[in-house]
N, C-alpha and C. Protein backbone atom coordinates (compact mmCIF):
# COMPACT_ATOMS: atom_id res chain seq x y z
N UNK A 1 -50.37 26.53 -25.05
CA UNK A 1 -48.98 26.45 -25.78
C UNK A 1 -49.15 27.19 -27.10
N UNK A 2 -50.23 27.06 -27.85
CA UNK A 2 -50.28 27.85 -28.99
C UNK A 2 -50.47 29.29 -28.94
N UNK A 3 -51.08 29.55 -27.51
CA UNK A 3 -51.19 31.06 -27.32
C UNK A 3 -49.67 31.48 -27.12
N UNK A 4 -48.98 30.95 -26.30
CA UNK A 4 -47.60 31.46 -26.10
C UNK A 4 -46.87 31.65 -27.32
N UNK A 5 -47.10 30.46 -28.51
CA UNK A 5 -46.37 30.70 -29.39
C UNK A 5 -46.68 31.82 -30.51
N UNK A 6 -47.99 32.41 -30.31
CA UNK A 6 -48.55 33.36 -30.88
C UNK A 6 -47.85 34.69 -30.53
N UNK A 7 -47.66 34.78 -29.18
CA UNK A 7 -47.36 36.02 -28.40
C UNK A 7 -45.83 36.12 -28.81
N UNK A 8 -45.03 35.15 -28.82
CA UNK A 8 -43.61 35.46 -28.99
C UNK A 8 -43.27 34.39 -30.17
N UNK A 9 -43.54 34.80 -31.42
CA UNK A 9 -43.22 34.34 -32.48
C UNK A 9 -41.83 33.57 -32.51
N UNK A 10 -41.68 32.36 -32.59
CA UNK A 10 -40.35 31.60 -32.52
C UNK A 10 -39.74 31.67 -33.95
N UNK A 11 -38.44 32.31 -33.63
CA UNK A 11 -37.78 32.32 -34.97
C UNK A 11 -37.33 31.03 -35.37
N UNK A 12 -37.20 30.65 -36.66
CA UNK A 12 -36.74 29.33 -37.21
C UNK A 12 -35.59 29.64 -37.73
N UNK A 13 -34.51 28.87 -37.13
CA UNK A 13 -33.13 28.84 -37.52
C UNK A 13 -32.83 28.04 -38.83
N UNK A 14 -31.98 28.53 -39.42
CA UNK A 14 -31.42 27.92 -40.96
C UNK A 14 -30.56 26.90 -40.51
N UNK A 15 -30.34 26.19 -41.23
CA UNK A 15 -29.48 24.84 -40.94
C UNK A 15 -27.94 25.53 -40.73
N UNK A 16 -27.42 26.62 -41.32
CA UNK A 16 -26.35 27.26 -41.27
C UNK A 16 -26.02 27.81 -39.80
N UNK A 17 -27.33 28.52 -39.33
CA UNK A 17 -27.24 29.01 -38.10
C UNK A 17 -27.10 27.96 -36.82
N UNK A 18 -28.00 26.72 -37.11
CA UNK A 18 -27.91 25.54 -36.21
C UNK A 18 -26.50 25.21 -36.13
N UNK A 19 -25.70 25.00 -37.29
CA UNK A 19 -24.47 24.57 -37.36
C UNK A 19 -23.41 25.52 -36.87
N UNK A 20 -23.64 26.66 -36.78
CA UNK A 20 -22.89 27.76 -36.15
C UNK A 20 -22.98 27.73 -34.57
N UNK A 21 -24.35 27.75 -34.27
CA UNK A 21 -24.61 27.71 -32.63
C UNK A 21 -23.79 26.43 -32.08
N UNK A 22 -24.20 25.09 -33.02
CA UNK A 22 -23.57 23.82 -32.50
C UNK A 22 -21.91 23.95 -32.33
N UNK A 23 -21.30 24.66 -33.29
CA UNK A 23 -19.80 24.99 -33.06
C UNK A 23 -19.49 25.68 -32.08
N UNK A 24 -20.15 26.84 -31.82
CA UNK A 24 -19.99 27.94 -30.53
C UNK A 24 -20.14 26.97 -29.34
N UNK A 25 -21.21 26.34 -29.14
CA UNK A 25 -21.40 25.43 -27.99
C UNK A 25 -20.20 24.44 -27.71
N UNK A 26 -19.71 23.77 -28.80
CA UNK A 26 -18.44 22.81 -28.82
C UNK A 26 -17.30 23.70 -28.18
N UNK A 27 -17.14 24.71 -28.90
CA UNK A 27 -15.92 25.58 -28.45
C UNK A 27 -15.94 25.96 -26.93
N UNK A 28 -17.19 26.50 -26.60
CA UNK A 28 -17.24 26.93 -25.37
C UNK A 28 -17.13 25.66 -24.30
N UNK A 29 -17.64 24.56 -24.66
CA UNK A 29 -17.62 23.38 -23.94
C UNK A 29 -16.02 23.07 -23.56
N UNK A 30 -15.11 23.22 -24.57
CA UNK A 30 -13.70 23.01 -24.73
C UNK A 30 -13.00 24.00 -23.79
N UNK A 31 -13.41 25.24 -24.00
CA UNK A 31 -12.88 26.30 -23.13
C UNK A 31 -13.00 25.96 -21.80
N UNK A 32 -14.28 25.65 -21.45
CA UNK A 32 -14.72 25.59 -19.81
C UNK A 32 -14.07 24.32 -19.37
N UNK A 33 -13.79 23.27 -20.07
CA UNK A 33 -13.29 22.07 -19.67
C UNK A 33 -11.80 22.45 -19.50
N UNK A 34 -11.00 23.31 -20.40
CA UNK A 34 -9.61 23.50 -20.19
C UNK A 34 -9.52 24.61 -18.82
N UNK A 35 -10.52 25.52 -18.87
CA UNK A 35 -10.29 26.43 -17.45
C UNK A 35 -10.48 25.71 -16.07
N UNK A 36 -11.38 24.71 -16.35
CA UNK A 36 -11.64 23.86 -15.15
C UNK A 36 -10.66 22.78 -14.77
N UNK A 37 -10.13 22.45 -15.82
CA UNK A 37 -8.97 21.51 -15.41
C UNK A 37 -7.88 22.10 -14.73
N UNK A 38 -7.46 23.35 -15.49
CA UNK A 38 -6.27 24.00 -14.90
C UNK A 38 -6.50 24.68 -13.48
N UNK A 39 -7.73 25.11 -13.33
CA UNK A 39 -8.14 25.87 -11.98
C UNK A 39 -8.41 24.79 -10.85
N UNK A 40 -8.70 23.61 -11.23
CA UNK A 40 -9.20 22.66 -10.32
C UNK A 40 -7.59 22.03 -9.73
N UNK A 41 -6.68 22.05 -10.70
CA UNK A 41 -5.58 21.53 -10.32
C UNK A 41 -4.60 22.55 -9.50
N UNK A 42 -4.73 23.86 -9.59
CA UNK A 42 -4.44 25.03 -8.80
C UNK A 42 -5.16 24.96 -7.44
N UNK A 43 -6.39 24.58 -7.42
CA UNK A 43 -7.28 24.51 -6.20
C UNK A 43 -6.63 23.26 -5.22
N UNK A 44 -6.45 22.31 -5.90
CA UNK A 44 -5.88 21.02 -5.32
C UNK A 44 -4.43 21.44 -4.48
N UNK A 45 -3.76 22.15 -5.25
CA UNK A 45 -2.20 22.50 -4.91
C UNK A 45 -2.61 23.56 -3.72
N UNK A 46 -3.44 24.34 -3.63
CA UNK A 46 -3.77 25.50 -2.55
C UNK A 46 -4.31 24.64 -1.23
N UNK A 47 -4.93 23.86 -1.51
CA UNK A 47 -5.65 22.95 -0.60
C UNK A 47 -4.58 22.02 0.04
N UNK A 48 -3.76 21.32 -0.72
CA UNK A 48 -2.48 20.53 -0.20
C UNK A 48 -1.63 21.52 0.48
N UNK A 49 -1.09 22.70 0.22
CA UNK A 49 -0.52 23.63 0.83
C UNK A 49 -1.06 24.30 2.10
N UNK A 50 -2.45 24.10 2.20
CA UNK A 50 -3.07 24.43 3.29
C UNK A 50 -3.21 26.09 3.45
N UNK A 51 -3.37 26.47 2.27
CA UNK A 51 -3.77 28.14 1.95
C UNK A 51 -4.93 28.38 1.77
N UNK A 52 -6.02 28.61 2.69
CA UNK A 52 -7.35 28.56 2.29
C UNK A 52 -7.80 29.93 1.79
N UNK A 53 -6.99 30.82 1.84
CA UNK A 53 -7.35 32.24 1.15
C UNK A 53 -7.12 31.90 -0.35
N UNK A 54 -5.86 31.32 -0.78
CA UNK A 54 -5.91 30.93 -2.00
C UNK A 54 -6.77 30.17 -2.66
N UNK A 55 -7.12 29.06 -1.77
CA UNK A 55 -8.20 28.03 -2.26
C UNK A 55 -9.63 28.82 -2.23
N UNK A 56 -9.84 29.43 -1.61
CA UNK A 56 -11.28 30.39 -1.54
C UNK A 56 -11.21 31.19 -3.05
N UNK A 57 -10.10 31.88 -2.96
CA UNK A 57 -10.00 32.96 -4.24
C UNK A 57 -9.97 32.12 -5.63
N UNK A 58 -9.56 30.95 -5.80
CA UNK A 58 -9.42 30.18 -6.87
C UNK A 58 -10.89 29.54 -7.10
N UNK A 59 -11.38 29.20 -6.15
CA UNK A 59 -12.73 28.68 -6.28
C UNK A 59 -13.88 29.66 -6.87
N UNK A 60 -13.49 30.74 -6.36
CA UNK A 60 -14.29 32.09 -6.72
C UNK A 60 -13.90 32.35 -8.51
N UNK A 61 -12.83 32.27 -8.44
CA UNK A 61 -12.30 32.42 -9.91
C UNK A 61 -12.76 31.49 -10.90
N UNK A 62 -12.85 30.40 -10.41
CA UNK A 62 -13.44 29.25 -11.37
C UNK A 62 -14.67 29.42 -11.73
N UNK A 63 -15.64 29.83 -10.63
CA UNK A 63 -16.98 29.97 -10.86
C UNK A 63 -17.14 31.20 -11.55
N UNK A 64 -16.18 32.18 -11.56
CA UNK A 64 -16.48 33.39 -12.38
C UNK A 64 -16.09 33.21 -13.88
N UNK A 65 -15.20 32.57 -14.15
CA UNK A 65 -14.59 32.18 -15.38
C UNK A 65 -15.78 31.36 -16.29
N UNK A 66 -16.23 30.47 -15.37
CA UNK A 66 -17.25 29.48 -16.06
C UNK A 66 -18.49 30.19 -16.33
N UNK A 67 -19.19 31.18 -15.56
CA UNK A 67 -20.07 31.94 -15.75
C UNK A 67 -20.05 33.09 -16.87
N UNK A 68 -18.62 33.63 -17.15
CA UNK A 68 -18.24 34.33 -17.90
C UNK A 68 -18.28 33.74 -19.38
N UNK A 69 -17.76 32.43 -19.60
CA UNK A 69 -17.80 31.64 -20.72
C UNK A 69 -19.21 31.48 -21.17
N UNK A 70 -20.01 31.36 -20.32
CA UNK A 70 -21.53 30.77 -20.34
C UNK A 70 -22.16 32.16 -20.94
N UNK A 71 -21.99 33.21 -20.34
CA UNK A 71 -22.44 34.52 -20.80
C UNK A 71 -22.07 34.77 -22.21
N UNK A 72 -20.89 34.67 -22.49
CA UNK A 72 -20.11 34.92 -23.82
C UNK A 72 -20.87 33.96 -24.80
N UNK A 73 -21.09 32.86 -24.48
CA UNK A 73 -21.65 31.85 -25.50
C UNK A 73 -23.08 32.35 -25.52
N UNK A 74 -23.77 32.81 -24.78
CA UNK A 74 -25.27 33.23 -24.84
C UNK A 74 -25.29 34.51 -25.85
N UNK A 75 -24.33 35.16 -25.59
CA UNK A 75 -24.31 36.58 -26.42
C UNK A 75 -23.78 36.14 -27.79
N UNK A 76 -23.14 35.43 -28.09
CA UNK A 76 -22.70 34.87 -29.41
C UNK A 76 -23.94 34.09 -30.13
N UNK A 77 -24.70 33.34 -29.32
CA UNK A 77 -25.74 32.58 -29.90
C UNK A 77 -26.78 33.53 -30.32
N UNK A 78 -26.98 34.43 -29.73
CA UNK A 78 -28.11 35.52 -29.90
C UNK A 78 -27.79 36.31 -31.09
N UNK A 79 -26.50 36.50 -31.28
CA UNK A 79 -26.23 37.34 -32.55
C UNK A 79 -26.44 36.39 -33.84
N UNK A 80 -25.99 35.07 -33.53
CA UNK A 80 -26.45 34.25 -34.61
C UNK A 80 -27.81 33.96 -34.87
N UNK A 81 -28.53 34.04 -34.01
CA UNK A 81 -29.92 33.94 -34.11
C UNK A 81 -30.67 35.14 -34.61
N UNK A 82 -30.14 36.27 -34.42
CA UNK A 82 -30.79 37.49 -34.84
C UNK A 82 -30.43 37.95 -36.12
N UNK A 83 -29.47 36.97 -36.83
CA UNK A 83 -28.92 37.27 -37.99
C UNK A 83 -30.04 36.85 -39.22
N UNK A 84 -30.29 37.52 -40.23
CA UNK A 84 -31.24 37.06 -41.11
C UNK A 84 -30.76 37.04 -42.52
């Protein structure tokens, strides 16, 4: 473990950076919940209407949107970490 620590010097985050990352995570969680709630409703409508193409497309859209939000979060967190 110590050898790993020496190889990749772990950057210490300031309290401000930790707070900013926490805020970013909170915002992302809220955005994901909003998208998921909306799209799950649309998925349920498509399923009830018996529209398998719309059902499949909406499921793919949900997966894509959640992945995009996670990627955006990681990008923003990395920017905060790299600030000195």
